[in-house]
N, C-alpha and C. Protein backbone atom coordinates (compact mmCIF):
# COMPACT_ATOMS: atom_id res chain seq x y z
N UNK A 1 5.49 -5.24 -0.87
CA UNK A 1 5.20 -3.84 -1.13
C UNK A 1 5.84 -2.96 -0.06
N UNK A 2 6.10 -1.72 -0.44
CA UNK A 2 6.71 -0.80 0.52
C UNK A 2 5.64 0.00 1.22
N UNK A 3 6.04 0.73 2.21
CA UNK A 3 5.13 1.59 2.96
C UNK A 3 4.55 2.65 2.04
N UNK A 4 5.38 3.16 1.19
CA UNK A 4 4.94 4.22 0.29
C UNK A 4 3.83 3.71 -0.60
N UNK A 5 3.97 2.49 -1.06
CA UNK A 5 2.94 1.91 -1.92
C UNK A 5 1.62 1.88 -1.19
N UNK A 6 1.67 1.48 0.02
CA UNK A 6 0.45 1.41 0.81
C UNK A 6 -0.17 2.78 0.97
N UNK A 7 0.64 3.74 1.21
CA UNK A 7 0.16 5.10 1.41
C UNK A 7 -0.44 5.65 0.14
N UNK A 8 0.21 5.39 -0.94
CA UNK A 8 -0.27 5.89 -2.21
C UNK A 8 -1.64 5.32 -2.53
N UNK A 9 -1.82 4.08 -2.24
CA UNK A 9 -3.11 3.46 -2.53
C UNK A 9 -4.20 4.06 -1.68
N UNK A 10 -3.89 4.37 -0.45
CA UNK A 10 -4.88 5.00 0.43
C UNK A 10 -5.31 6.33 -0.15
N UNK A 11 -4.37 7.07 -0.62
CA UNK A 11 -4.68 8.36 -1.19
C UNK A 11 -5.58 8.22 -2.39
N UNK A 12 -5.28 7.25 -3.22
CA UNK A 12 -6.10 7.02 -4.41
C UNK A 12 -7.52 6.71 -4.01
N UNK A 13 -7.66 5.90 -3.02
CA UNK A 13 -8.99 5.51 -2.60
C UNK A 13 -9.80 6.73 -2.15
N UNK A 14 -9.14 7.56 -1.34
CA UNK A 14 -9.83 8.73 -0.82
C UNK A 14 -10.31 9.64 -1.92
N UNK A 15 -9.42 9.95 -2.79
CA UNK A 15 -9.78 10.86 -3.86
C UNK A 15 -10.84 10.26 -4.75
N UNK A 16 -10.72 9.00 -5.05
CA UNK A 16 -11.70 8.33 -5.90
C UNK A 16 -13.08 8.40 -5.32
N UNK A 17 -13.21 8.15 -4.07
CA UNK A 17 -14.50 8.18 -3.42
C UNK A 17 -15.10 9.58 -3.48
N UNK A 18 -14.29 10.56 -3.24
CA UNK A 18 -14.77 11.93 -3.27
C UNK A 18 -15.29 12.31 -4.63
N UNK A 19 -14.55 11.93 -5.64
CA UNK A 19 -14.94 12.28 -6.99
C UNK A 19 -16.23 11.59 -7.39
N UNK A 20 -16.37 10.36 -7.02
CA UNK A 20 -17.56 9.61 -7.35
C UNK A 20 -18.78 10.23 -6.69
N UNK A 21 -18.65 10.60 -5.46
CA UNK A 21 -19.76 11.20 -4.74
C UNK A 21 -20.22 12.51 -5.33
N UNK A 22 -19.36 13.19 -6.02
CA UNK A 22 -19.69 14.51 -6.54
C UNK A 22 -20.62 14.47 -7.73
N UNK A 23 -20.81 13.32 -8.35
CA UNK A 23 -21.58 13.27 -9.59
C UNK A 23 -22.86 12.48 -9.50
N UNK A 24 -23.51 12.48 -8.39
CA UNK A 24 -24.75 11.74 -8.26
C UNK A 24 -25.85 12.38 -9.09
N UNK A 25 -26.83 11.57 -9.52
CA UNK A 25 -27.92 12.11 -10.32
C UNK A 25 -28.78 13.08 -9.52
N UNK A 26 -29.58 13.88 -10.23
CA UNK A 26 -30.37 14.93 -9.59
C UNK A 26 -31.32 14.40 -8.54
N UNK A 27 -31.87 13.19 -8.72
CA UNK A 27 -32.85 12.68 -7.79
C UNK A 27 -32.22 12.06 -6.53
N UNK A 28 -30.90 11.95 -6.49
CA UNK A 28 -30.23 11.34 -5.35
C UNK A 28 -29.79 12.41 -4.36
N UNK A 29 -30.38 12.40 -3.18
CA UNK A 29 -30.03 13.39 -2.17
C UNK A 29 -28.81 12.95 -1.37
N UNK A 30 -28.67 11.65 -1.18
CA UNK A 30 -27.58 11.14 -0.38
C UNK A 30 -26.94 9.96 -1.10
N UNK A 31 -25.64 9.98 -1.19
CA UNK A 31 -24.91 8.89 -1.84
C UNK A 31 -24.95 7.65 -0.96
N UNK A 32 -25.38 6.56 -1.54
CA UNK A 32 -25.40 5.27 -0.85
C UNK A 32 -24.61 4.30 -1.71
N UNK A 33 -23.29 4.30 -1.58
CA UNK A 33 -22.48 3.45 -2.44
C UNK A 33 -22.70 1.97 -2.16
N UNK A 34 -22.66 1.19 -3.21
CA UNK A 34 -22.70 -0.26 -3.10
C UNK A 34 -21.24 -0.70 -3.00
N UNK A 35 -20.78 -0.92 -1.77
CA UNK A 35 -19.36 -1.20 -1.54
C UNK A 35 -18.91 -2.52 -2.15
N UNK A 36 -19.83 -3.44 -2.37
CA UNK A 36 -19.46 -4.71 -2.99
C UNK A 36 -19.10 -4.52 -4.46
N UNK A 37 -19.62 -3.44 -5.06
CA UNK A 37 -19.37 -3.17 -6.47
C UNK A 37 -18.48 -1.96 -6.69
N UNK A 38 -18.15 -1.25 -5.64
CA UNK A 38 -17.36 -0.02 -5.74
C UNK A 38 -15.93 -0.25 -5.26
N UNK A 39 -15.02 0.59 -5.74
CA UNK A 39 -13.65 0.50 -5.25
C UNK A 39 -12.93 1.83 -5.45
N UNK A 40 -12.01 2.06 -4.55
CA UNK A 40 -11.11 3.21 -4.66
C UNK A 40 -9.72 2.65 -4.46
N UNK A 41 -8.87 2.87 -5.44
CA UNK A 41 -7.52 2.33 -5.38
C UNK A 41 -6.50 3.44 -5.62
N UNK A 42 -5.29 3.15 -5.21
CA UNK A 42 -4.19 4.04 -5.55
C UNK A 42 -3.15 3.21 -6.29
N UNK A 43 -2.56 3.82 -7.28
CA UNK A 43 -1.51 3.17 -8.04
C UNK A 43 -0.26 4.05 -7.94
N UNK A 44 0.84 3.42 -7.58
CA UNK A 44 2.11 4.14 -7.47
C UNK A 44 3.21 3.21 -7.94
N UNK A 45 4.39 3.74 -8.10
CA UNK A 45 5.52 2.93 -8.56
C UNK A 45 6.57 2.81 -7.47
N UNK A 46 6.99 1.57 -7.24
CA UNK A 46 8.08 1.29 -6.32
C UNK A 46 9.17 0.63 -7.15
N UNK A 47 10.34 1.25 -7.15
CA UNK A 47 11.44 0.79 -8.00
C UNK A 47 10.95 0.63 -9.44
N UNK A 48 10.11 1.58 -9.85
CA UNK A 48 9.55 1.68 -11.20
C UNK A 48 8.58 0.56 -11.56
N UNK A 49 8.10 -0.17 -10.55
CA UNK A 49 7.11 -1.23 -10.77
C UNK A 49 5.77 -0.75 -10.20
N UNK A 50 4.69 -0.74 -11.02
CA UNK A 50 3.38 -0.29 -10.53
C UNK A 50 2.86 -1.19 -9.40
N UNK A 51 2.31 -0.54 -8.37
CA UNK A 51 1.72 -1.24 -7.23
C UNK A 51 0.33 -0.64 -7.02
N UNK A 52 -0.63 -1.52 -6.67
CA UNK A 52 -2.00 -1.05 -6.47
C UNK A 52 -2.50 -1.49 -5.10
N UNK A 53 -3.24 -0.60 -4.42
CA UNK A 53 -3.84 -0.90 -3.12
C UNK A 53 -5.21 -0.25 -3.04
N UNK A 54 -5.98 -0.58 -2.00
CA UNK A 54 -7.33 -0.02 -1.88
C UNK A 54 -7.69 0.28 -0.43
N UNK A 55 -8.75 1.08 -0.28
CA UNK A 55 -9.34 1.36 1.03
C UNK A 55 -10.63 0.55 1.12
N UNK A 56 -10.83 -0.09 2.27
CA UNK A 56 -12.00 -0.94 2.43
C UNK A 56 -13.18 -0.24 3.10
N UNK A 57 -12.92 0.86 3.81
CA UNK A 57 -14.00 1.55 4.54
C UNK A 57 -14.01 3.03 4.21
N UNK A 58 -15.21 3.54 3.89
CA UNK A 58 -15.38 4.96 3.61
C UNK A 58 -16.84 5.33 3.72
N UNK A 59 -17.09 6.63 3.87
CA UNK A 59 -18.45 7.17 3.88
C UNK A 59 -18.48 8.32 2.89
N UNK A 60 -19.64 8.51 2.25
CA UNK A 60 -19.79 9.61 1.30
C UNK A 60 -21.16 10.23 1.48
N UNK A 61 -21.23 11.55 1.33
CA UNK A 61 -22.50 12.28 1.37
C UNK A 61 -22.55 13.17 0.14
N UNK A 62 -23.60 13.01 -0.66
CA UNK A 62 -23.70 13.77 -1.91
C UNK A 62 -25.10 14.30 -2.11
N UNK A 63 -25.17 15.55 -2.53
CA UNK A 63 -26.42 16.19 -2.93
C UNK A 63 -26.15 16.73 -4.32
N UNK A 64 -26.68 16.07 -5.35
CA UNK A 64 -26.35 16.41 -6.73
C UNK A 64 -27.60 16.68 -7.54
N UNK A 65 -27.55 17.75 -8.34
CA UNK A 65 -28.65 18.10 -9.23
C UNK A 65 -28.06 18.21 -10.63
N UNK A 66 -28.40 17.26 -11.50
CA UNK A 66 -27.82 17.27 -12.85
C UNK A 66 -28.23 18.49 -13.65
N UNK A 67 -29.38 19.10 -13.30
CA UNK A 67 -29.80 20.31 -14.00
C UNK A 67 -29.00 21.53 -13.55
N UNK A 68 -28.50 21.49 -12.32
CA UNK A 68 -27.70 22.58 -11.76
C UNK A 68 -26.51 22.00 -11.01
N UNK A 69 -25.56 21.38 -11.71
CA UNK A 69 -24.44 20.74 -11.02
C UNK A 69 -23.61 21.70 -10.18
N UNK A 70 -23.63 22.98 -10.54
CA UNK A 70 -22.86 23.97 -9.77
C UNK A 70 -23.37 24.11 -8.34
N UNK A 71 -24.62 23.73 -8.09
CA UNK A 71 -25.19 23.81 -6.75
C UNK A 71 -24.99 22.51 -5.96
N UNK A 72 -24.36 21.54 -6.56
CA UNK A 72 -24.16 20.23 -5.92
C UNK A 72 -23.13 20.29 -4.80
N UNK A 73 -23.25 19.33 -3.89
CA UNK A 73 -22.31 19.21 -2.77
C UNK A 73 -21.90 17.75 -2.64
N UNK A 74 -20.67 17.53 -2.25
CA UNK A 74 -20.19 16.17 -2.05
C UNK A 74 -19.05 16.17 -1.04
N UNK A 75 -19.03 15.14 -0.21
CA UNK A 75 -17.91 14.96 0.72
C UNK A 75 -17.67 13.47 0.92
N UNK A 76 -16.44 13.14 1.21
CA UNK A 76 -16.05 11.75 1.42
C UNK A 76 -15.12 11.69 2.63
N UNK A 77 -15.30 10.65 3.43
CA UNK A 77 -14.42 10.42 4.58
C UNK A 77 -13.90 8.99 4.48
N UNK A 78 -12.59 8.84 4.52
CA UNK A 78 -11.94 7.53 4.38
C UNK A 78 -11.32 7.10 5.71
N UNK A 79 -11.53 5.85 6.06
CA UNK A 79 -10.91 5.26 7.24
C UNK A 79 -9.51 4.78 6.84
N UNK A 80 -8.49 5.50 7.28
CA UNK A 80 -7.11 5.19 6.88
C UNK A 80 -6.69 3.78 7.30
N UNK A 81 -7.19 3.31 8.44
CA UNK A 81 -6.79 1.98 8.91
C UNK A 81 -7.33 0.86 8.02
N UNK A 82 -8.22 1.19 7.07
CA UNK A 82 -8.77 0.17 6.17
C UNK A 82 -7.92 0.00 4.91
N UNK A 83 -6.80 0.69 4.85
CA UNK A 83 -5.92 0.60 3.69
C UNK A 83 -5.40 -0.83 3.55
N UNK A 84 -5.48 -1.36 2.34
CA UNK A 84 -5.12 -2.76 2.12
C UNK A 84 -4.18 -2.93 0.93
N UNK A 85 -2.95 -3.37 1.23
CA UNK A 85 -1.97 -3.67 0.20
C UNK A 85 -1.95 -5.15 -0.13
N UNK A 86 -2.82 -5.91 0.54
CA UNK A 86 -2.89 -7.34 0.27
C UNK A 86 -2.01 -8.18 1.18
N UNK A 87 -1.34 -7.56 2.15
CA UNK A 87 -0.47 -8.29 3.07
C UNK A 87 -0.56 -7.61 4.44
N UNK A 88 -0.92 -8.36 5.51
CA UNK A 88 -1.08 -7.76 6.84
C UNK A 88 0.15 -7.02 7.35
N UNK A 89 1.34 -7.51 7.04
CA UNK A 89 2.56 -6.85 7.51
C UNK A 89 2.77 -5.52 6.81
N UNK A 90 2.54 -5.47 5.50
CA UNK A 90 2.65 -4.21 4.76
C UNK A 90 1.59 -3.22 5.25
N UNK A 91 0.39 -3.73 5.46
CA UNK A 91 -0.69 -2.87 5.94
C UNK A 91 -0.32 -2.22 7.27
N UNK A 92 0.25 -3.00 8.17
CA UNK A 92 0.66 -2.49 9.49
C UNK A 92 1.75 -1.43 9.34
N UNK A 93 2.66 -1.66 8.44
CA UNK A 93 3.78 -0.75 8.24
C UNK A 93 3.34 0.61 7.72
N UNK A 94 2.45 0.63 6.75
CA UNK A 94 2.04 1.91 6.15
C UNK A 94 1.20 2.77 7.09
N UNK A 95 0.70 2.19 8.16
CA UNK A 95 -0.07 2.97 9.13
C UNK A 95 0.83 3.69 10.13
N UNK A 96 2.13 3.40 10.08
CA UNK A 96 3.08 4.02 11.00
C UNK A 96 3.29 5.50 10.69
N UNK A 97 3.94 6.18 11.64
CA UNK A 97 4.15 7.63 11.56
C UNK A 97 4.82 8.08 10.26
N UNK A 98 5.78 7.33 9.75
CA UNK A 98 6.50 7.74 8.54
C UNK A 98 5.59 7.77 7.31
N UNK A 99 4.56 6.97 7.32
CA UNK A 99 3.66 6.89 6.18
C UNK A 99 2.36 7.62 6.44
N UNK A 100 1.31 6.92 6.83
CA UNK A 100 0.01 7.58 7.04
C UNK A 100 -0.21 8.11 8.45
N UNK A 101 0.56 7.63 9.41
CA UNK A 101 0.40 8.05 10.80
C UNK A 101 -1.07 7.94 11.21
N UNK A 102 -1.62 6.73 11.02
CA UNK A 102 -3.05 6.50 11.25
C UNK A 102 -3.48 6.73 12.69
N UNK A 103 -2.56 6.60 13.64
CA UNK A 103 -2.92 6.83 15.04
C UNK A 103 -3.30 8.30 15.26
N UNK A 104 -2.58 9.21 14.64
CA UNK A 104 -2.87 10.63 14.79
C UNK A 104 -3.86 11.14 13.75
N UNK A 105 -3.82 10.58 12.53
CA UNK A 105 -4.68 11.03 11.44
C UNK A 105 -5.52 9.85 10.93
N UNK A 106 -6.57 9.53 11.66
CA UNK A 106 -7.37 8.34 11.37
C UNK A 106 -8.21 8.45 10.10
N UNK A 107 -8.49 9.68 9.67
CA UNK A 107 -9.36 9.88 8.51
C UNK A 107 -8.68 10.74 7.46
N UNK A 108 -9.04 10.47 6.22
CA UNK A 108 -8.69 11.36 5.10
C UNK A 108 -10.03 11.84 4.55
N UNK A 109 -10.08 13.09 4.10
CA UNK A 109 -11.37 13.64 3.65
C UNK A 109 -11.24 14.41 2.34
N UNK A 110 -12.36 14.49 1.67
CA UNK A 110 -12.48 15.32 0.48
C UNK A 110 -13.81 16.04 0.56
N UNK A 111 -13.79 17.35 0.29
CA UNK A 111 -15.02 18.14 0.25
C UNK A 111 -15.01 18.92 -1.06
N UNK A 112 -16.00 18.65 -1.91
CA UNK A 112 -16.09 19.33 -3.20
C UNK A 112 -16.50 20.78 -3.00
N UNK A 113 -15.85 21.68 -3.73
CA UNK A 113 -16.21 23.09 -3.70
C UNK A 113 -16.86 23.52 -5.01
N UNK A 114 -16.64 22.71 -6.07
CA UNK A 114 -17.19 23.04 -7.38
C UNK A 114 -17.37 21.78 -8.21
N UNK A 115 -18.55 21.64 -8.82
CA UNK A 115 -18.82 20.55 -9.75
C UNK A 115 -19.46 21.19 -10.97
N UNK A 116 -18.73 21.11 -12.10
CA UNK A 116 -19.19 21.77 -13.31
C UNK A 116 -19.16 20.80 -14.49
N UNK A 117 -20.09 21.00 -15.44
CA UNK A 117 -20.02 20.18 -16.66
C UNK A 117 -18.70 20.44 -17.36
N UNK A 118 -18.08 19.37 -17.85
CA UNK A 118 -16.82 19.52 -18.57
C UNK A 118 -17.07 20.16 -19.93
N UNK A 119 -16.14 20.97 -20.38
CA UNK A 119 -16.27 21.60 -21.69
C UNK A 119 -16.18 20.54 -22.78
N UNK A 120 -16.96 20.71 -23.83
CA UNK A 120 -16.95 19.83 -25.01
C UNK A 120 -17.19 18.37 -24.65
N UNK A 121 -18.04 18.13 -23.66
CA UNK A 121 -18.38 16.76 -23.27
C UNK A 121 -19.85 16.50 -23.52
N UNK A 122 -20.19 15.23 -23.66
CA UNK A 122 -21.60 14.86 -23.82
C UNK A 122 -22.36 15.33 -22.58
N UNK A 123 -23.51 15.92 -22.79
CA UNK A 123 -24.29 16.47 -21.69
C UNK A 123 -24.56 15.42 -20.61
N UNK A 124 -24.28 15.80 -19.37
CA UNK A 124 -24.58 14.94 -18.24
C UNK A 124 -23.66 13.76 -18.04
N UNK A 125 -22.55 13.65 -18.78
CA UNK A 125 -21.70 12.48 -18.61
C UNK A 125 -20.30 12.81 -18.09
N UNK A 126 -19.84 14.04 -18.27
CA UNK A 126 -18.49 14.42 -17.84
C UNK A 126 -18.55 15.70 -17.01
N UNK A 127 -17.79 15.70 -15.91
CA UNK A 127 -17.76 16.84 -15.00
C UNK A 127 -16.33 17.14 -14.59
N UNK A 128 -16.10 18.41 -14.23
CA UNK A 128 -14.84 18.83 -13.63
C UNK A 128 -15.13 19.09 -12.16
N UNK A 129 -14.41 18.41 -11.28
CA UNK A 129 -14.63 18.53 -9.84
C UNK A 129 -13.42 19.19 -9.20
N UNK A 130 -13.67 20.18 -8.36
CA UNK A 130 -12.64 20.86 -7.58
C UNK A 130 -13.02 20.77 -6.12
N UNK A 131 -12.03 20.61 -5.26
CA UNK A 131 -12.33 20.55 -3.83
C UNK A 131 -11.09 20.47 -2.98
N UNK A 132 -11.30 20.29 -1.68
CA UNK A 132 -10.21 20.23 -0.70
C UNK A 132 -9.98 18.78 -0.28
N UNK A 133 -8.75 18.33 -0.48
CA UNK A 133 -8.33 16.99 -0.09
C UNK A 133 -7.44 17.11 1.14
N UNK A 134 -7.77 16.36 2.20
CA UNK A 134 -6.97 16.37 3.42
C UNK A 134 -6.47 14.97 3.71
N UNK A 135 -5.15 14.85 3.75
CA UNK A 135 -4.51 13.58 4.08
C UNK A 135 -3.40 13.88 5.07
N UNK A 136 -3.37 13.13 6.16
CA UNK A 136 -2.32 13.28 7.18
C UNK A 136 -2.21 14.72 7.68
N UNK A 137 -3.37 15.35 7.83
CA UNK A 137 -3.43 16.70 8.37
C UNK A 137 -3.09 17.81 7.40
N UNK A 138 -2.77 17.49 6.16
CA UNK A 138 -2.40 18.50 5.15
C UNK A 138 -3.55 18.63 4.16
N UNK A 139 -4.02 19.87 3.94
CA UNK A 139 -5.14 20.14 3.04
C UNK A 139 -4.66 20.91 1.82
N UNK A 140 -5.04 20.44 0.64
CA UNK A 140 -4.73 21.14 -0.60
C UNK A 140 -5.96 21.14 -1.50
N UNK A 141 -5.95 22.07 -2.45
CA UNK A 141 -7.02 22.08 -3.44
C UNK A 141 -6.65 21.16 -4.59
N UNK A 142 -7.59 20.32 -5.00
CA UNK A 142 -7.35 19.38 -6.09
C UNK A 142 -8.45 19.51 -7.14
N UNK A 143 -8.14 19.03 -8.33
CA UNK A 143 -9.11 19.07 -9.42
C UNK A 143 -8.97 17.80 -10.24
N UNK A 144 -10.09 17.23 -10.67
CA UNK A 144 -10.04 16.00 -11.44
C UNK A 144 -11.30 15.85 -12.29
N UNK A 145 -11.20 15.09 -13.39
CA UNK A 145 -12.36 14.83 -14.23
C UNK A 145 -13.17 13.65 -13.68
N UNK A 146 -14.47 13.73 -13.84
CA UNK A 146 -15.38 12.69 -13.37
C UNK A 146 -16.30 12.30 -14.51
N UNK A 147 -16.48 11.00 -14.72
CA UNK A 147 -17.45 10.53 -15.71
C UNK A 147 -18.58 9.81 -15.00
N UNK A 148 -19.78 9.96 -15.54
CA UNK A 148 -20.97 9.35 -14.95
C UNK A 148 -21.71 8.60 -16.04
N UNK A 149 -22.09 7.35 -15.72
CA UNK A 149 -22.89 6.58 -16.68
C UNK A 149 -23.91 5.75 -15.94
N UNK A 150 -24.94 5.34 -16.65
CA UNK A 150 -26.00 4.53 -16.07
C UNK A 150 -25.71 3.07 -16.35
N UNK A 151 -25.98 2.22 -15.36
CA UNK A 151 -25.83 0.78 -15.51
C UNK A 151 -27.05 0.14 -14.85
N UNK A 152 -28.07 -0.12 -15.65
CA UNK A 152 -29.33 -0.60 -15.10
C UNK A 152 -29.96 0.47 -14.25
N UNK A 153 -30.27 0.15 -12.99
CA UNK A 153 -30.85 1.13 -12.07
C UNK A 153 -29.79 1.90 -11.29
N UNK A 154 -28.54 1.59 -11.54
CA UNK A 154 -27.45 2.23 -10.78
C UNK A 154 -26.75 3.31 -11.61
N UNK A 155 -26.09 4.21 -10.91
CA UNK A 155 -25.23 5.22 -11.51
C UNK A 155 -23.78 4.80 -11.21
N UNK A 156 -22.92 4.92 -12.22
CA UNK A 156 -21.52 4.56 -12.04
C UNK A 156 -20.66 5.81 -12.23
N UNK A 157 -19.82 6.09 -11.25
CA UNK A 157 -18.96 7.26 -11.26
C UNK A 157 -17.51 6.79 -11.31
N UNK A 158 -16.75 7.34 -12.26
CA UNK A 158 -15.36 6.92 -12.41
C UNK A 158 -14.45 8.11 -12.67
N UNK A 159 -13.22 7.99 -12.20
CA UNK A 159 -12.24 9.04 -12.45
C UNK A 159 -10.88 8.69 -11.89
N UNK A 160 -9.93 9.55 -12.20
CA UNK A 160 -8.56 9.40 -11.71
C UNK A 160 -8.05 10.77 -11.27
N UNK A 161 -7.51 10.82 -10.06
CA UNK A 161 -6.95 12.05 -9.52
C UNK A 161 -5.46 11.85 -9.29
N UNK A 162 -4.62 12.60 -10.01
CA UNK A 162 -3.18 12.50 -9.76
C UNK A 162 -2.76 13.41 -8.61
N UNK A 163 -1.95 12.88 -7.71
CA UNK A 163 -1.41 13.70 -6.61
C UNK A 163 0.06 13.33 -6.43
N UNK A 164 0.73 14.09 -5.55
CA UNK A 164 2.12 13.78 -5.19
C UNK A 164 2.14 13.45 -3.70
N UNK A 165 2.69 12.31 -3.37
CA UNK A 165 2.66 11.83 -1.99
C UNK A 165 3.39 12.74 -1.02
N UNK A 166 4.51 13.34 -1.48
CA UNK A 166 5.29 14.18 -0.58
C UNK A 166 4.56 15.46 -0.19
N UNK A 167 3.59 15.87 -0.99
CA UNK A 167 2.76 17.03 -0.63
C UNK A 167 2.04 16.78 0.68
N UNK A 168 1.70 15.52 0.95
CA UNK A 168 0.96 15.14 2.15
C UNK A 168 1.86 14.44 3.19
N UNK A 169 3.17 14.56 3.03
CA UNK A 169 4.13 13.95 3.95
C UNK A 169 3.95 12.44 4.07
N UNK A 170 3.59 11.80 2.98
CA UNK A 170 3.46 10.35 2.96
C UNK A 170 4.82 9.79 2.54
N UNK A 171 5.50 9.24 3.53
CA UNK A 171 6.87 8.78 3.29
C UNK A 171 7.84 9.81 3.82
N UNK A 172 8.08 9.78 5.12
CA UNK A 172 8.99 10.74 5.75
C UNK A 172 10.37 10.13 5.94
N UNK A 173 11.34 10.98 6.28
CA UNK A 173 12.70 10.50 6.52
C UNK A 173 13.29 9.87 5.28
N UNK A 174 13.85 8.68 5.43
CA UNK A 174 14.48 8.00 4.30
C UNK A 174 13.51 7.69 3.17
N UNK A 175 12.21 7.66 3.48
CA UNK A 175 11.21 7.32 2.47
C UNK A 175 10.84 8.51 1.58
N UNK A 176 11.47 9.65 1.80
CA UNK A 176 11.28 10.78 0.90
C UNK A 176 12.01 10.57 -0.42
N UNK A 177 12.85 9.58 -0.47
CA UNK A 177 13.62 9.26 -1.67
C UNK A 177 12.68 8.75 -2.76
N UNK A 178 12.47 9.56 -3.79
CA UNK A 178 11.53 9.19 -4.85
C UNK A 178 12.13 8.21 -5.86
N UNK A 179 13.40 7.84 -5.69
CA UNK A 179 13.97 6.83 -6.57
C UNK A 179 13.52 5.43 -6.13
N UNK A 180 13.05 5.33 -4.91
CA UNK A 180 12.54 4.05 -4.40
C UNK A 180 11.03 3.98 -4.61
N UNK A 181 10.33 4.97 -4.06
CA UNK A 181 8.88 5.08 -4.26
C UNK A 181 8.63 6.42 -4.94
N UNK A 182 8.03 6.35 -6.11
CA UNK A 182 7.79 7.57 -6.89
C UNK A 182 6.88 8.55 -6.15
N UNK A 183 7.05 9.82 -6.42
CA UNK A 183 6.23 10.86 -5.80
C UNK A 183 4.80 10.84 -6.36
N UNK A 184 4.67 10.50 -7.62
CA UNK A 184 3.38 10.54 -8.30
C UNK A 184 2.50 9.35 -7.89
N UNK A 185 1.25 9.67 -7.60
CA UNK A 185 0.25 8.67 -7.23
C UNK A 185 -1.01 8.95 -8.06
N UNK A 186 -1.63 7.88 -8.53
CA UNK A 186 -2.91 8.02 -9.23
C UNK A 186 -3.99 7.42 -8.34
N UNK A 187 -4.96 8.24 -7.98
CA UNK A 187 -6.09 7.76 -7.20
C UNK A 187 -7.21 7.46 -8.17
N UNK A 188 -7.61 6.20 -8.24
CA UNK A 188 -8.63 5.77 -9.19
C UNK A 188 -9.87 5.32 -8.44
N UNK A 189 -11.03 5.70 -8.97
CA UNK A 189 -12.25 5.30 -8.28
C UNK A 189 -13.30 4.80 -9.26
N UNK A 190 -14.07 3.87 -8.78
CA UNK A 190 -15.21 3.29 -9.50
C UNK A 190 -16.30 3.14 -8.45
N UNK A 191 -17.30 4.01 -8.51
CA UNK A 191 -18.34 4.01 -7.48
C UNK A 191 -19.69 3.69 -8.11
N UNK A 192 -20.34 2.70 -7.55
CA UNK A 192 -21.68 2.32 -8.00
C UNK A 192 -22.66 2.73 -6.92
N UNK A 193 -23.65 3.53 -7.29
CA UNK A 193 -24.66 3.99 -6.35
C UNK A 193 -26.05 3.64 -6.87
N UNK A 194 -26.85 2.99 -6.07
CA UNK A 194 -28.20 2.61 -6.48
C UNK A 194 -29.20 3.72 -6.26
């Protein structure tokens, strides 16, 4: 895998976690993700071949009221050094300055500014989330759909956030070439909260 692939996966993880945290049920004051059952991944293309990676460490704080989702709050903090492409050498490479620059930017964050029921969706199952995503010191406003479902005693939050890696300077210098690593990244998340 390339450095860009690693970076893209980190981004996916961050965004996924943020989105999941934004849709907690009304009775949940604080998100307590079950990390053994949850995942945040990024999918990107290197030489037009899909590559997937994940973040192993993150924290989330959520205050959600299903009766008044507009009053809900959510934030996620991702440990960039936990990015995992499945190979120690690739992992080390993507933490370098050209990619995530983990030494200077150890965390990626998401803070929700708006959580609203999605139009024409089943009540309480689909939401539109807007917020600020910060990766490698660059902050932008992002928006993504979030779905929420019950699984036994747990709540499951899922979604996909599309971003462009170059917006966050992921892949500098020669790695800005999008013919090698595509600019488009999909951050996918599956969060289980008890």
